[in-house]
Amino acid sequence: MTTKIAIGLGLLIIALLAVDVALFGTNHLVFLGKKLFELIDWIAFWR
């Protein structure tokens, strides 16, 4: 992955998170954070 692609993807993710917070609040982020933590834990188990 080149630096341009990484920066573009990072900015896209940050922009989408900002839109989500502006429209729906932060409750979705807490739910997604918990699910991401579970996914990382599950992947680490199978490593």
PDB file of N, CA and C in Angstrom:
ATOM      1  N   MET A   1       0.852  -1.167   0.000  1.00  0.00           N
ATOM      2  CA  MET A   1       0.000   0.000   0.000  1.00  0.00           C
ATOM      3  C   MET A   1       0.898   1.229   0.000  1.00  0.00           C
ATOM      4  N   THR A   2       0.610   2.123  -0.898  1.00  0.00           N
ATOM      5  CA  THR A   2       1.416   3.343  -0.967  1.00  0.00           C
ATOM      6  C   THR A   2       0.950   4.343   0.081  1.00  0.00           C
ATOM      7  N   THR A   3       1.767   5.341   0.304  1.00  0.00           N
ATOM      8  CA  THR A   3       1.441   6.370   1.293  1.00  0.00           C
ATOM      9  C   THR A   3       0.194   7.144   0.892  1.00  0.00           C
ATOM     10  N   LYS A   4       0.037   7.431  -0.391  1.00  0.00           N
ATOM     11  CA  LYS A   4      -1.143   8.167  -0.858  1.00  0.00           C
ATOM     12  C   LYS A   4      -2.423   7.390  -0.585  1.00  0.00           C
ATOM     13  N   ILE A   5      -2.397   6.100  -0.832  1.00  0.00           N
ATOM     14  CA  ILE A   5      -3.592   5.274  -0.599  1.00  0.00           C
ATOM     15  C   ILE A   5      -3.902   5.204   0.893  1.00  0.00           C
ATOM     16  N   ALA A   6      -2.881   5.025   1.720  1.00  0.00           N
ATOM     17  CA  ALA A   6      -3.086   4.945   3.167  1.00  0.00           C
ATOM     18  C   ALA A   6      -3.671   6.241   3.717  1.00  0.00           C
ATOM     19  N   ILE A   7      -3.136   7.357   3.272  1.00  0.00           N
ATOM     20  CA  ILE A   7      -3.650   8.658   3.730  1.00  0.00           C
ATOM     21  C   ILE A   7      -5.081   8.854   3.244  1.00  0.00           C
ATOM     22  N   GLY A   8      -5.356   8.492   2.008  1.00  0.00           N
ATOM     23  CA  GLY A   8      -6.717   8.617   1.470  1.00  0.00           C
ATOM     24  C   GLY A   8      -7.715   7.764   2.236  1.00  0.00           C
ATOM     25  N   LEU A   9      -7.349   6.526   2.524  1.00  0.00           N
ATOM     26  CA  LEU A   9      -8.251   5.660   3.292  1.00  0.00           C
ATOM     27  C   LEU A   9      -8.449   6.177   4.710  1.00  0.00           C
ATOM     28  N   GLY A  10      -7.376   6.665   5.319  1.00  0.00           N
ATOM     29  CA  GLY A  10      -7.492   7.222   6.666  1.00  0.00           C
ATOM     30  C   GLY A  10      -8.407   8.433   6.712  1.00  0.00           C
ATOM     31  N   LEU A  11      -8.250   9.324   5.741  1.00  0.00           N
ATOM     32  CA  LEU A  11      -9.113  10.505   5.684  1.00  0.00           C
ATOM     33  C   LEU A  11     -10.565  10.134   5.402  1.00  0.00           C
ATOM     34  N   LEU A  12     -10.771   9.123   4.557  1.00  0.00           N
ATOM     35  CA  LEU A  12     -12.131   8.668   4.264  1.00  0.00           C
ATOM     36  C   LEU A  12     -12.798   8.094   5.518  1.00  0.00           C
ATOM     37  N   ILE A  13     -12.072   7.295   6.274  1.00  0.00           N
ATOM     38  CA  ILE A  13     -12.625   6.721   7.500  1.00  0.00           C
ATOM     39  C   ILE A  13     -12.947   7.812   8.508  1.00  0.00           C
ATOM     40  N   ILE A  14     -12.047   8.765   8.677  1.00  0.00           N
ATOM     41  CA  ILE A  14     -12.292   9.863   9.616  1.00  0.00           C
ATOM     42  C   ILE A  14     -13.496  10.697   9.181  1.00  0.00           C
ATOM     43  N   ALA A  15     -13.626  10.959   7.891  1.00  0.00           N
ATOM     44  CA  ALA A  15     -14.762  11.732   7.387  1.00  0.00           C
ATOM     45  C   ALA A  15     -16.074  10.982   7.615  1.00  0.00           C
ATOM     46  N   LEU A  16     -16.074   9.679   7.354  1.00  0.00           N
ATOM     47  CA  LEU A  16     -17.299   8.904   7.568  1.00  0.00           C
ATOM     48  C   LEU A  16     -17.674   8.832   9.045  1.00  0.00           C
ATOM     49  N   LEU A  17     -16.683   8.718   9.924  1.00  0.00           N
ATOM     50  CA  LEU A  17     -16.969   8.735  11.357  1.00  0.00           C
ATOM     51  C   LEU A  17     -17.514  10.096  11.790  1.00  0.00           C
ATOM     52  N   ALA A  18     -16.994  11.172  11.234  1.00  0.00           N
ATOM     53  CA  ALA A  18     -17.489  12.512  11.572  1.00  0.00           C
ATOM     54  C   ALA A  18     -18.937  12.688  11.119  1.00  0.00           C
ATOM     55  N   VAL A  19     -19.260  12.192   9.937  1.00  0.00           N
ATOM     56  CA  VAL A  19     -20.644  12.271   9.450  1.00  0.00           C
ATOM     57  C   VAL A  19     -21.558  11.443  10.335  1.00  0.00           C
ATOM     58  N   ASP A  20     -21.121  10.264  10.738  1.00  0.00           N
ATOM     59  CA  ASP A  20     -21.928   9.395  11.598  1.00  0.00           C
ATOM     60  C   ASP A  20     -22.195  10.065  12.942  1.00  0.00           C
ATOM     61  N   VAL A  21     -21.177  10.681  13.529  1.00  0.00           N
ATOM     62  CA  VAL A  21     -21.356  11.365  14.812  1.00  0.00           C
ATOM     63  C   VAL A  21     -22.275  12.571  14.644  1.00  0.00           C
ATOM     64  N   ALA A  22     -22.136  13.304  13.553  1.00  0.00           N
ATOM     65  CA  ALA A  22     -22.959  14.497  13.336  1.00  0.00           C
ATOM     66  C   ALA A  22     -24.429  14.130  13.149  1.00  0.00           C
ATOM     67  N   LEU A  23     -24.689  13.024  12.467  1.00  0.00           N
ATOM     68  CA  LEU A  23     -26.074  12.657  12.180  1.00  0.00           C
ATOM     69  C   LEU A  23     -26.738  11.823  13.276  1.00  0.00           C
ATOM     70  N   PHE A  24     -25.994  10.907  13.877  1.00  0.00           N
ATOM     71  CA  PHE A  24     -26.613   9.928  14.768  1.00  0.00           C
ATOM     72  C   PHE A  24     -26.092   9.938  16.191  1.00  0.00           C
ATOM     73  N   GLY A  25     -25.074  10.699  16.500  1.00  0.00           N
ATOM     74  CA  GLY A  25     -24.524  10.706  17.852  1.00  0.00           C
ATOM     75  C   GLY A  25     -23.432   9.661  18.009  1.00  0.00           C
ATOM     76  N   THR A  26     -23.023   9.461  19.248  1.00  0.00           N
ATOM     77  CA  THR A  26     -21.877   8.585  19.504  1.00  0.00           C
ATOM     78  C   THR A  26     -22.259   7.174  19.926  1.00  0.00           C
ATOM     79  N   ASN A  27     -23.528   6.853  20.008  1.00  0.00           N
ATOM     80  CA  ASN A  27     -23.930   5.511  20.445  1.00  0.00           C
ATOM     81  C   ASN A  27     -23.448   4.437  19.474  1.00  0.00           C
ATOM     82  N   HIS A  28     -23.441   4.733  18.204  1.00  0.00           N
ATOM     83  CA  HIS A  28     -22.984   3.759  17.217  1.00  0.00           C
ATOM     84  C   HIS A  28     -21.499   3.469  17.378  1.00  0.00           C
ATOM     85  N   LEU A  29     -20.726   4.487  17.717  1.00  0.00           N
ATOM     86  CA  LEU A  29     -19.287   4.304  17.860  1.00  0.00           C
ATOM     87  C   LEU A  29     -18.957   3.388  19.037  1.00  0.00           C
ATOM     88  N   VAL A  30     -19.712   3.500  20.111  1.00  0.00           N
ATOM     89  CA  VAL A  30     -19.493   2.621  21.259  1.00  0.00           C
ATOM     90  C   VAL A  30     -19.792   1.174  20.870  1.00  0.00           C
ATOM     91  N   PHE A  31     -20.892   0.949  20.174  1.00  0.00           N
ATOM     92  CA  PHE A  31     -21.247  -0.389  19.726  1.00  0.00           C
ATOM     93  C   PHE A  31     -20.185  -0.950  18.782  1.00  0.00           C
ATOM     94  N   LEU A  32     -19.763  -0.142  17.797  1.00  0.00           N
ATOM     95  CA  LEU A  32     -18.746  -0.601  16.852  1.00  0.00           C
ATOM     96  C   LEU A  32     -17.407  -0.845  17.540  1.00  0.00           C
ATOM     97  N   GLY A  33     -17.069  -0.041  18.516  1.00  0.00           N
ATOM     98  CA  GLY A  33     -15.831  -0.245  19.264  1.00  0.00           C
ATOM     99  C   GLY A  33     -15.833  -1.558  20.021  1.00  0.00           C
ATOM    100  N   LYS A  34     -16.962  -1.876  20.637  1.00  0.00           N
ATOM    101  CA  LYS A  34     -17.075  -3.147  21.363  1.00  0.00           C
ATOM    102  C   LYS A  34     -16.970  -4.330  20.408  1.00  0.00           C
ATOM    103  N   LYS A  35     -17.640  -4.232  19.270  1.00  0.00           N
ATOM    104  CA  LYS A  35     -17.583  -5.321  18.297  1.00  0.00           C
ATOM    105  C   LYS A  35     -16.188  -5.468  17.700  1.00  0.00           C
ATOM    106  N   LEU A  36     -15.502  -4.345  17.457  1.00  0.00           N
ATOM    107  CA  LEU A  36     -14.140  -4.397  16.939  1.00  0.00           C
ATOM    108  C   LEU A  36     -13.215  -5.064  17.953  1.00  0.00           C
ATOM    109  N   PHE A  37     -13.386  -4.743  19.232  1.00  0.00           N
ATOM    110  CA  PHE A  37     -12.574  -5.368  20.271  1.00  0.00           C
ATOM    111  C   PHE A  37     -12.805  -6.878  20.308  1.00  0.00           C
ATOM    112  N   GLU A  38     -14.070  -7.309  20.191  1.00  0.00           N
ATOM    113  CA  GLU A  38     -14.374  -8.744  20.157  1.00  0.00           C
ATOM    114  C   GLU A  38     -13.740  -9.408  18.942  1.00  0.00           C
ATOM    115  N   LEU A  39     -13.781  -8.747  17.792  1.00  0.00           N
ATOM    116  CA  LEU A  39     -13.185  -9.303  16.579  1.00  0.00           C
ATOM    117  C   LEU A  39     -11.670  -9.453  16.727  1.00  0.00           C
ATOM    118  N   ILE A  40     -11.014  -8.434  17.273  1.00  0.00           N
ATOM    119  CA  ILE A  40      -9.567  -8.500  17.475  1.00  0.00           C
ATOM    120  C   ILE A  40      -9.220  -9.612  18.450  1.00  0.00           C
ATOM    121  N   ASP A  41      -9.995  -9.751  19.506  1.00  0.00           N
ATOM    122  CA  ASP A  41      -9.767 -10.816  20.477  1.00  0.00           C
ATOM    123  C   ASP A  41      -9.944 -12.181  19.825  1.00  0.00           C
ATOM    124  N   TRP A  42     -10.961 -12.340  18.997  1.00  0.00           N
ATOM    125  CA  TRP A  42     -11.215 -13.615  18.321  1.00  0.00           C
ATOM    126  C   TRP A  42     -10.104 -13.943  17.326  1.00  0.00           C
ATOM    127  N   ILE A  43      -9.643 -12.937  16.589  1.00  0.00           N
ATOM    128  CA  ILE A  43      -8.561 -13.150  15.622  1.00  0.00           C
ATOM    129  C   ILE A  43      -7.268 -13.511  16.356  1.00  0.00           C
ATOM    130  N   ALA A  44      -7.000 -12.867  17.494  1.00  0.00           N
ATOM    131  CA  ALA A  44      -5.793 -13.154  18.268  1.00  0.00           C
ATOM    132  C   ALA A  44      -5.825 -14.578  18.801  1.00  0.00           C
ATOM    133  N   PHE A  45      -7.009 -15.086  19.115  1.00  0.00           N
ATOM    134  CA  PHE A  45      -7.141 -16.459  19.594  1.00  0.00           C
ATOM    135  C   PHE A  45      -6.733 -17.444  18.511  1.00  0.00           C
ATOM    136  N   TRP A  46      -7.129 -17.193  17.284  1.00  0.00           N
ATOM    137  CA  TRP A  46      -6.836 -18.123  16.193  1.00  0.00           C
ATOM    138  C   TRP A  46      -5.443 -17.943  15.610  1.00  0.00           C
ATOM    139  N   ARG A  47      -4.739 -16.939  16.043  1.00  0.00           N
ATOM    140  CA  ARG A  47      -3.385 -16.730  15.557  1.00  0.00           C
ATOM    141  C   ARG A  47      -2.521 -17.764  16.178  1.00  0.00           C
TER     142      ARG A  47
END
